[in-house]
Amino acid sequence: MKKQLVAVVMAAIFLCVPMAFAEMPGPDPDSLWEYITKESSYTKWEFWPDHQGMQPGRAPHGPLHKVFVNDRALNSTQPPVQYGSIAVKENYGTDKELKAITVMYKVTGYNPDAGDWFWAKFSPDGKADIFGKPAGCVGCHGTRAKNDFILVHEFK
């Protein structure tokens, strides 16, 4: 009986885990935009507990921003965050008008030298401007490599 129960539990794990990851987009700006805006609606995600709501920002992101994170990122208690973690930063001007949306997406094996992060910068209407492994993103976020390249949240 115990062996049968263990077999059923193991089968469920092996069947369910790949399905959960299969729903995530690849390292592609168009599928990532589709995922965060239509399939998942990032504006319903949470903020980092130590970085709530509108916050002051700096170049290249602009003077104000909001950072939304999905459950995989939010439930990561220490670096590195879980694969499939996504952080979406809305970048605002001083007029509080949305100027750009920048995204960090952790993809298994995508970019091991930079924490496996895929970066993308979108216009507010979803046109990808910069994406992939941009030197500016990797260089700036690389200053926090020990915090899994995450600048606005401190793991405790």
N, C-alpha and C. Protein backbone atom coordinates (compact mmCIF):
# COMPACT_ATOMS: atom_id res chain seq x y z
N MET A 1 0.82 -1.19 0.00
CA MET A 1 0.00 0.00 0.00
C MET A 1 0.87 1.26 0.00
N LYS A 2 1.92 1.29 0.85
CA LYS A 2 2.80 2.45 0.91
C LYS A 2 3.50 2.66 -0.43
N LYS A 3 3.93 1.55 -1.05
CA LYS A 3 4.62 1.66 -2.33
C LYS A 3 3.69 2.24 -3.40
N GLN A 4 2.43 1.83 -3.38
CA GLN A 4 1.47 2.35 -4.34
C GLN A 4 1.22 3.84 -4.12
N LEU A 5 1.10 4.24 -2.86
CA LEU A 5 0.89 5.65 -2.54
C LEU A 5 2.08 6.49 -2.98
N VAL A 6 3.28 6.01 -2.71
CA VAL A 6 4.49 6.72 -3.13
C VAL A 6 4.52 6.83 -4.65
N ALA A 7 4.16 5.75 -5.35
CA ALA A 7 4.16 5.76 -6.81
C ALA A 7 3.16 6.78 -7.35
N VAL A 8 1.99 6.86 -6.75
CA VAL A 8 0.97 7.82 -7.18
C VAL A 8 1.45 9.25 -6.95
N VAL A 9 2.02 9.52 -5.79
CA VAL A 9 2.52 10.86 -5.47
C VAL A 9 3.64 11.24 -6.43
N MET A 10 4.57 10.34 -6.67
CA MET A 10 5.68 10.63 -7.59
C MET A 10 5.16 10.89 -9.01
N ALA A 11 4.20 10.11 -9.45
CA ALA A 11 3.63 10.31 -10.78
C ALA A 11 2.97 11.68 -10.88
N ALA A 12 2.26 12.07 -9.85
CA ALA A 12 1.60 13.38 -9.84
C ALA A 12 2.64 14.50 -9.92
N ILE A 13 3.71 14.36 -9.17
CA ILE A 13 4.77 15.38 -9.20
C ILE A 13 5.38 15.47 -10.58
N PHE A 14 5.74 14.34 -11.17
CA PHE A 14 6.38 14.35 -12.47
C PHE A 14 5.45 14.81 -13.58
N LEU A 15 4.15 14.62 -13.41
CA LEU A 15 3.20 15.08 -14.42
C LEU A 15 2.84 16.55 -14.26
N CYS A 16 2.72 17.03 -13.02
CA CYS A 16 2.26 18.39 -12.77
C CYS A 16 3.36 19.43 -12.88
N VAL A 17 4.55 19.13 -12.41
CA VAL A 17 5.63 20.13 -12.44
C VAL A 17 5.97 20.55 -13.86
N PRO A 18 6.17 19.62 -14.81
CA PRO A 18 6.45 20.08 -16.17
C PRO A 18 5.31 20.89 -16.77
N MET A 19 4.07 20.56 -16.46
CA MET A 19 2.95 21.33 -17.00
C MET A 19 2.97 22.75 -16.48
N ALA A 20 3.33 22.94 -15.22
CA ALA A 20 3.39 24.29 -14.66
C ALA A 20 4.45 25.11 -15.36
N PHE A 21 5.60 24.50 -15.65
CA PHE A 21 6.68 25.23 -16.30
C PHE A 21 6.41 25.40 -17.80
N ALA A 22 5.65 24.48 -18.39
CA ALA A 22 5.37 24.56 -19.82
C ALA A 22 4.54 25.81 -20.14
N GLU A 23 3.82 26.34 -19.18
CA GLU A 23 2.98 27.50 -19.42
C GLU A 23 3.79 28.79 -19.49
N MET A 24 5.01 28.77 -19.04
CA MET A 24 5.84 29.97 -19.05
C MET A 24 6.33 30.24 -20.47
N PRO A 25 6.50 31.51 -20.83
CA PRO A 25 7.00 31.83 -22.17
C PRO A 25 8.49 31.52 -22.29
N GLY A 26 8.96 31.48 -23.51
CA GLY A 26 10.39 31.34 -23.74
C GLY A 26 11.06 32.70 -23.62
N PRO A 27 12.39 32.75 -23.81
CA PRO A 27 13.09 34.03 -23.77
C PRO A 27 12.89 34.80 -25.08
N ASP A 28 11.69 35.28 -25.25
CA ASP A 28 11.28 35.96 -26.47
C ASP A 28 10.41 37.15 -26.07
N PRO A 29 10.69 38.36 -26.55
CA PRO A 29 9.94 39.52 -26.08
C PRO A 29 8.45 39.46 -26.39
N ASP A 30 8.07 38.95 -27.55
CA ASP A 30 6.66 38.92 -27.91
C ASP A 30 5.86 37.97 -27.02
N SER A 31 6.39 36.76 -26.79
CA SER A 31 5.67 35.82 -25.93
C SER A 31 5.70 36.27 -24.48
N LEU A 32 6.77 36.94 -24.06
CA LEU A 32 6.83 37.47 -22.70
C LEU A 32 5.78 38.57 -22.51
N TRP A 33 5.67 39.48 -23.47
CA TRP A 33 4.66 40.54 -23.40
C TRP A 33 3.25 39.93 -23.34
N GLU A 34 3.00 38.96 -24.18
CA GLU A 34 1.70 38.28 -24.19
C GLU A 34 1.42 37.67 -22.82
N TYR A 35 2.42 37.04 -22.24
CA TYR A 35 2.25 36.39 -20.93
C TYR A 35 1.96 37.41 -19.83
N ILE A 36 2.74 38.48 -19.76
CA ILE A 36 2.58 39.41 -18.63
C ILE A 36 1.36 40.31 -18.76
N THR A 37 0.86 40.50 -19.99
CA THR A 37 -0.27 41.42 -20.16
C THR A 37 -1.61 40.71 -20.37
N LYS A 38 -1.58 39.55 -20.99
CA LYS A 38 -2.85 38.89 -21.31
C LYS A 38 -3.08 37.62 -20.50
N GLU A 39 -2.07 36.77 -20.43
CA GLU A 39 -2.24 35.49 -19.74
C GLU A 39 -2.19 35.65 -18.22
N SER A 40 -1.38 36.58 -17.74
CA SER A 40 -1.16 36.67 -16.31
C SER A 40 -1.56 38.01 -15.70
N SER A 41 -1.61 39.06 -16.48
CA SER A 41 -1.96 40.41 -16.02
C SER A 41 -1.10 40.86 -14.83
N TYR A 42 0.11 41.26 -15.15
CA TYR A 42 1.09 41.60 -14.12
C TYR A 42 0.60 42.65 -13.13
N THR A 43 -0.32 43.52 -13.52
CA THR A 43 -0.78 44.57 -12.59
C THR A 43 -1.56 44.00 -11.42
N LYS A 44 -1.89 42.72 -11.47
CA LYS A 44 -2.56 42.05 -10.34
C LYS A 44 -1.55 41.35 -9.43
N TRP A 45 -0.26 41.37 -9.81
CA TRP A 45 0.78 40.76 -9.00
C TRP A 45 1.06 41.64 -7.78
N GLU A 46 1.89 41.15 -6.89
CA GLU A 46 2.27 41.86 -5.67
C GLU A 46 3.52 42.70 -5.92
N PHE A 47 3.81 43.56 -4.95
CA PHE A 47 5.08 44.29 -4.91
C PHE A 47 6.02 43.53 -3.97
N TRP A 48 7.32 43.76 -4.11
CA TRP A 48 8.25 43.25 -3.10
C TRP A 48 7.82 43.84 -1.76
N PRO A 49 7.93 43.09 -0.66
CA PRO A 49 7.48 43.62 0.64
C PRO A 49 8.23 44.88 1.07
N ASP A 50 9.45 45.05 0.63
CA ASP A 50 10.24 46.23 1.01
C ASP A 50 10.32 47.27 -0.11
N HIS A 51 9.41 47.17 -1.09
CA HIS A 51 9.42 48.10 -2.22
C HIS A 51 7.99 48.23 -2.76
N GLN A 52 7.14 48.87 -1.98
CA GLN A 52 5.71 48.94 -2.26
C GLN A 52 5.32 50.18 -3.08
N GLY A 53 4.47 49.98 -4.07
CA GLY A 53 3.88 51.10 -4.81
C GLY A 53 4.88 51.94 -5.57
N MET A 54 4.50 53.19 -5.82
CA MET A 54 5.34 54.13 -6.56
C MET A 54 6.57 54.49 -5.72
N GLN A 55 7.74 54.40 -6.34
CA GLN A 55 9.01 54.66 -5.66
C GLN A 55 9.86 55.59 -6.51
N PRO A 56 10.76 56.33 -5.87
CA PRO A 56 11.71 57.14 -6.65
C PRO A 56 12.63 56.22 -7.45
N GLY A 57 12.99 56.65 -8.63
CA GLY A 57 13.86 55.85 -9.49
C GLY A 57 15.07 56.65 -9.95
N ARG A 58 15.77 56.06 -10.88
CA ARG A 58 16.95 56.71 -11.45
C ARG A 58 17.17 56.17 -12.86
N ALA A 59 18.06 56.84 -13.58
CA ALA A 59 18.38 56.42 -14.94
C ALA A 59 18.93 54.99 -14.90
N PRO A 60 18.62 54.22 -15.89
CA PRO A 60 17.91 54.57 -17.12
C PRO A 60 16.40 54.39 -17.03
N HIS A 61 15.89 54.07 -15.85
CA HIS A 61 14.47 53.74 -15.72
C HIS A 61 13.55 54.94 -15.51
N GLY A 62 14.08 56.07 -15.19
CA GLY A 62 13.23 57.24 -14.98
C GLY A 62 13.10 57.59 -13.51
N PRO A 63 12.50 58.75 -13.24
CA PRO A 63 12.44 59.28 -11.88
C PRO A 63 11.47 58.57 -10.94
N LEU A 64 10.51 57.81 -11.48
CA LEU A 64 9.54 57.10 -10.66
C LEU A 64 9.27 55.72 -11.26
N HIS A 65 8.94 54.77 -10.38
CA HIS A 65 8.61 53.44 -10.89
C HIS A 65 7.76 52.65 -9.90
N LYS A 66 7.15 51.59 -10.42
CA LYS A 66 6.48 50.56 -9.63
C LYS A 66 7.05 49.23 -10.11
N VAL A 67 7.29 48.30 -9.17
CA VAL A 67 7.82 46.99 -9.54
C VAL A 67 6.84 45.91 -9.06
N PHE A 68 6.29 45.18 -10.02
CA PHE A 68 5.39 44.07 -9.74
C PHE A 68 6.17 42.76 -9.90
N VAL A 69 5.94 41.79 -9.01
CA VAL A 69 6.62 40.50 -9.12
C VAL A 69 5.61 39.36 -9.07
N ASN A 70 5.89 38.32 -9.83
CA ASN A 70 4.99 37.17 -9.82
C ASN A 70 5.24 36.33 -8.56
N ASP A 71 4.40 35.33 -8.35
CA ASP A 71 4.49 34.51 -7.15
C ASP A 71 5.82 33.79 -7.01
N ARG A 72 6.40 33.35 -8.12
CA ARG A 72 7.69 32.65 -8.03
C ARG A 72 8.76 33.56 -7.46
N ALA A 73 8.78 34.80 -7.86
CA ALA A 73 9.75 35.75 -7.31
C ALA A 73 9.40 36.07 -5.86
N LEU A 74 8.14 36.37 -5.62
CA LEU A 74 7.70 36.77 -4.28
C LEU A 74 7.93 35.67 -3.25
N ASN A 75 7.78 34.42 -3.66
CA ASN A 75 7.94 33.30 -2.74
C ASN A 75 9.37 32.81 -2.62
N SER A 76 10.29 33.47 -3.29
CA SER A 76 11.71 33.14 -3.15
C SER A 76 12.25 33.88 -1.93
N THR A 77 12.72 33.13 -0.95
CA THR A 77 13.14 33.75 0.31
C THR A 77 14.61 34.11 0.35
N GLN A 78 15.37 33.62 -0.62
CA GLN A 78 16.79 33.95 -0.69
C GLN A 78 17.25 33.84 -2.14
N PRO A 79 18.33 34.51 -2.48
CA PRO A 79 18.82 34.38 -3.84
C PRO A 79 19.52 33.02 -4.02
N PRO A 80 19.45 32.46 -5.21
CA PRO A 80 18.76 32.96 -6.39
C PRO A 80 17.26 32.69 -6.30
N VAL A 81 16.48 33.54 -6.99
CA VAL A 81 15.04 33.33 -7.03
C VAL A 81 14.74 32.12 -7.90
N GLN A 82 13.52 31.64 -7.81
CA GLN A 82 13.08 30.47 -8.57
C GLN A 82 13.07 30.78 -10.07
N TYR A 83 13.37 29.75 -10.86
CA TYR A 83 13.21 29.90 -12.30
C TYR A 83 11.74 30.16 -12.61
N GLY A 84 11.50 31.03 -13.57
CA GLY A 84 10.14 31.46 -13.89
C GLY A 84 9.77 32.74 -13.16
N SER A 85 10.67 33.24 -12.30
CA SER A 85 10.41 34.51 -11.62
C SER A 85 10.41 35.65 -12.64
N ILE A 86 9.48 36.58 -12.44
CA ILE A 86 9.38 37.74 -13.33
C ILE A 86 9.19 38.99 -12.47
N ALA A 87 9.96 40.02 -12.79
CA ALA A 87 9.78 41.35 -12.18
C ALA A 87 9.47 42.32 -13.32
N VAL A 88 8.37 43.04 -13.18
CA VAL A 88 7.94 44.01 -14.18
C VAL A 88 8.01 45.40 -13.56
N LYS A 89 8.82 46.26 -14.15
CA LYS A 89 8.98 47.63 -13.64
C LYS A 89 8.30 48.60 -14.60
N GLU A 90 7.29 49.29 -14.07
CA GLU A 90 6.68 50.38 -14.83
C GLU A 90 7.50 51.63 -14.56
N ASN A 91 7.99 52.26 -15.61
CA ASN A 91 8.86 53.43 -15.51
C ASN A 91 8.07 54.69 -15.87
N TYR A 92 8.06 55.64 -14.94
CA TYR A 92 7.26 56.86 -15.09
C TYR A 92 8.14 58.10 -15.15
N GLY A 93 7.64 59.12 -15.83
CA GLY A 93 8.27 60.43 -15.81
C GLY A 93 7.82 61.21 -14.58
N THR A 94 8.37 62.40 -14.39
CA THR A 94 7.96 63.24 -13.26
C THR A 94 6.49 63.61 -13.34
N ASP A 95 5.92 63.57 -14.55
CA ASP A 95 4.50 63.85 -14.74
C ASP A 95 3.62 62.64 -14.39
N LYS A 96 4.25 61.56 -13.92
CA LYS A 96 3.59 60.30 -13.55
C LYS A 96 2.92 59.63 -14.75
N GLU A 97 3.43 59.91 -15.95
CA GLU A 97 2.98 59.26 -17.16
C GLU A 97 3.89 58.06 -17.43
N LEU A 98 3.28 56.93 -17.77
CA LEU A 98 4.04 55.71 -18.05
C LEU A 98 4.89 55.91 -19.30
N LYS A 99 6.19 55.71 -19.16
CA LYS A 99 7.13 55.91 -20.27
C LYS A 99 7.61 54.60 -20.89
N ALA A 100 7.81 53.57 -20.05
CA ALA A 100 8.33 52.29 -20.53
C ALA A 100 8.03 51.22 -19.49
N ILE A 101 8.12 49.99 -19.93
CA ILE A 101 7.95 48.84 -19.04
C ILE A 101 9.17 47.95 -19.25
N THR A 102 9.91 47.73 -18.17
CA THR A 102 11.10 46.89 -18.25
C THR A 102 10.86 45.62 -17.44
N VAL A 103 11.40 44.52 -17.96
CA VAL A 103 11.10 43.21 -17.39
C VAL A 103 12.38 42.40 -17.20
N MET A 104 12.45 41.73 -16.06
CA MET A 104 13.48 40.71 -15.81
C MET A 104 12.75 39.37 -15.69
N TYR A 105 13.22 38.39 -16.43
CA TYR A 105 12.56 37.08 -16.45
C TYR A 105 13.63 36.00 -16.33
N LYS A 106 13.56 35.19 -15.29
CA LYS A 106 14.58 34.16 -15.02
C LYS A 106 14.24 32.89 -15.78
N VAL A 107 15.09 32.53 -16.75
CA VAL A 107 14.86 31.41 -17.66
C VAL A 107 15.99 30.39 -17.49
N THR A 108 15.64 29.17 -17.19
CA THR A 108 16.61 28.10 -16.98
C THR A 108 17.60 28.01 -18.13
N GLY A 109 18.90 28.17 -17.82
CA GLY A 109 19.96 28.00 -18.80
C GLY A 109 20.11 29.10 -19.82
N TYR A 110 19.34 30.18 -19.70
CA TYR A 110 19.37 31.22 -20.73
C TYR A 110 20.67 32.01 -20.75
N ASN A 111 21.12 32.42 -19.58
CA ASN A 111 22.27 33.33 -19.50
C ASN A 111 23.00 33.10 -18.17
N PRO A 112 23.67 31.95 -18.02
CA PRO A 112 24.28 31.60 -16.73
C PRO A 112 25.23 32.66 -16.17
N ASP A 113 25.93 33.38 -17.03
CA ASP A 113 26.87 34.41 -16.55
C ASP A 113 26.17 35.59 -15.89
N ALA A 114 24.88 35.76 -16.17
CA ALA A 114 24.12 36.87 -15.59
C ALA A 114 22.87 36.35 -14.89
N GLY A 115 23.01 35.25 -14.15
CA GLY A 115 21.92 34.76 -13.33
C GLY A 115 20.76 34.13 -14.08
N ASP A 116 20.95 33.85 -15.38
CA ASP A 116 19.89 33.30 -16.24
C ASP A 116 18.74 34.26 -16.46
N TRP A 117 19.02 35.56 -16.38
CA TRP A 117 17.97 36.57 -16.60
C TRP A 117 17.87 36.94 -18.07
N PHE A 118 16.64 37.07 -18.52
CA PHE A 118 16.30 37.63 -19.82
C PHE A 118 15.71 39.01 -19.53
N TRP A 119 16.26 40.05 -20.14
CA TRP A 119 15.77 41.41 -19.92
C TRP A 119 15.02 41.89 -21.16
N ALA A 120 14.04 42.74 -20.93
CA ALA A 120 13.32 43.36 -22.05
C ALA A 120 12.82 44.73 -21.64
N LYS A 121 12.89 45.66 -22.59
CA LYS A 121 12.32 47.00 -22.40
C LYS A 121 11.25 47.18 -23.47
N PHE A 122 10.04 47.51 -23.01
CA PHE A 122 8.90 47.69 -23.90
C PHE A 122 8.39 49.12 -23.84
N SER A 123 7.83 49.59 -24.94
CA SER A 123 7.07 50.83 -24.91
C SER A 123 5.76 50.50 -24.20
N PRO A 124 5.01 51.50 -23.74
CA PRO A 124 3.75 51.21 -23.06
C PRO A 124 2.76 50.38 -23.89
N ASP A 125 2.90 50.43 -25.23
CA ASP A 125 1.99 49.65 -26.07
C ASP A 125 2.54 48.26 -26.42
N GLY A 126 3.68 47.89 -25.83
CA GLY A 126 4.19 46.54 -25.98
C GLY A 126 5.24 46.31 -27.04
N LYS A 127 5.74 47.36 -27.66
CA LYS A 127 6.79 47.18 -28.67
C LYS A 127 8.13 47.00 -27.95
N ALA A 128 8.80 45.90 -28.24
CA ALA A 128 10.10 45.62 -27.62
C ALA A 128 11.17 46.51 -28.23
N ASP A 129 11.84 47.25 -27.37
CA ASP A 129 12.90 48.16 -27.81
C ASP A 129 14.26 47.49 -27.66
N ILE A 130 14.52 46.97 -26.48
CA ILE A 130 15.77 46.30 -26.14
C ILE A 130 15.39 45.00 -25.47
N PHE A 131 16.10 43.90 -25.78
CA PHE A 131 15.77 42.64 -25.12
C PHE A 131 16.93 41.66 -25.25
N GLY A 132 16.88 40.64 -24.41
CA GLY A 132 17.89 39.59 -24.43
C GLY A 132 18.87 39.74 -23.29
N LYS A 133 20.13 39.97 -23.67
CA LYS A 133 21.22 40.11 -22.72
C LYS A 133 21.89 41.48 -22.89
N PRO A 134 21.14 42.57 -22.78
CA PRO A 134 21.72 43.90 -23.04
C PRO A 134 22.85 44.22 -22.06
N ALA A 135 23.96 44.70 -22.60
CA ALA A 135 25.13 45.00 -21.77
C ALA A 135 24.80 45.99 -20.66
N GLY A 136 23.95 46.98 -20.95
CA GLY A 136 23.59 47.97 -19.93
C GLY A 136 22.84 47.34 -18.76
N CYS A 137 21.91 46.45 -19.06
CA CYS A 137 21.14 45.77 -18.00
C CYS A 137 22.05 44.85 -17.20
N VAL A 138 22.80 44.02 -17.91
CA VAL A 138 23.69 43.06 -17.24
C VAL A 138 24.73 43.79 -16.40
N GLY A 139 25.29 44.87 -16.94
CA GLY A 139 26.33 45.61 -16.22
C GLY A 139 25.81 46.25 -14.94
N CYS A 140 24.68 46.93 -15.04
CA CYS A 140 24.12 47.61 -13.87
C CYS A 140 23.64 46.59 -12.82
N HIS A 141 22.83 45.63 -13.24
CA HIS A 141 22.31 44.63 -12.31
C HIS A 141 23.41 43.71 -11.80
N GLY A 142 24.49 43.59 -12.57
CA GLY A 142 25.63 42.77 -12.14
C GLY A 142 26.29 43.28 -10.88
N THR A 143 26.07 44.54 -10.55
CA THR A 143 26.62 45.08 -9.29
C THR A 143 25.95 44.41 -8.09
N ARG A 144 24.84 43.73 -8.32
CA ARG A 144 24.11 43.02 -7.26
C ARG A 144 24.01 41.52 -7.57
N ALA A 145 25.05 40.96 -8.16
CA ALA A 145 25.04 39.54 -8.53
C ALA A 145 24.75 38.65 -7.32
N LYS A 146 25.27 39.00 -6.15
CA LYS A 146 25.03 38.18 -4.95
C LYS A 146 23.58 38.24 -4.50
N ASN A 147 22.83 39.24 -4.96
CA ASN A 147 21.40 39.37 -4.65
C ASN A 147 20.57 38.91 -5.87
N ASP A 148 21.18 38.04 -6.69
CA ASP A 148 20.58 37.51 -7.92
C ASP A 148 20.20 38.62 -8.89
N PHE A 149 21.05 39.65 -8.97
CA PHE A 149 20.91 40.73 -9.95
C PHE A 149 19.68 41.60 -9.68
N ILE A 150 19.08 41.46 -8.52
CA ILE A 150 17.87 42.22 -8.17
C ILE A 150 18.29 43.45 -7.36
N LEU A 151 17.94 44.63 -7.87
CA LEU A 151 18.38 45.88 -7.24
C LEU A 151 17.43 46.42 -6.19
N VAL A 152 16.13 46.24 -6.34
CA VAL A 152 15.17 46.95 -5.50
C VAL A 152 14.61 46.15 -4.33
N HIS A 153 15.14 44.95 -4.11
CA HIS A 153 14.65 44.11 -3.00
C HIS A 153 15.84 43.48 -2.31
N GLU A 154 15.84 43.54 -0.99
CA GLU A 154 16.87 42.89 -0.17
C GLU A 154 16.31 41.61 0.42
N PHE A 155 16.95 40.50 0.10
CA PHE A 155 16.57 39.25 0.75
C PHE A 155 17.12 39.26 2.16
N LYS A 156 16.35 38.76 3.11
CA LYS A 156 16.80 38.75 4.52
C LYS A 156 17.08 37.36 4.98
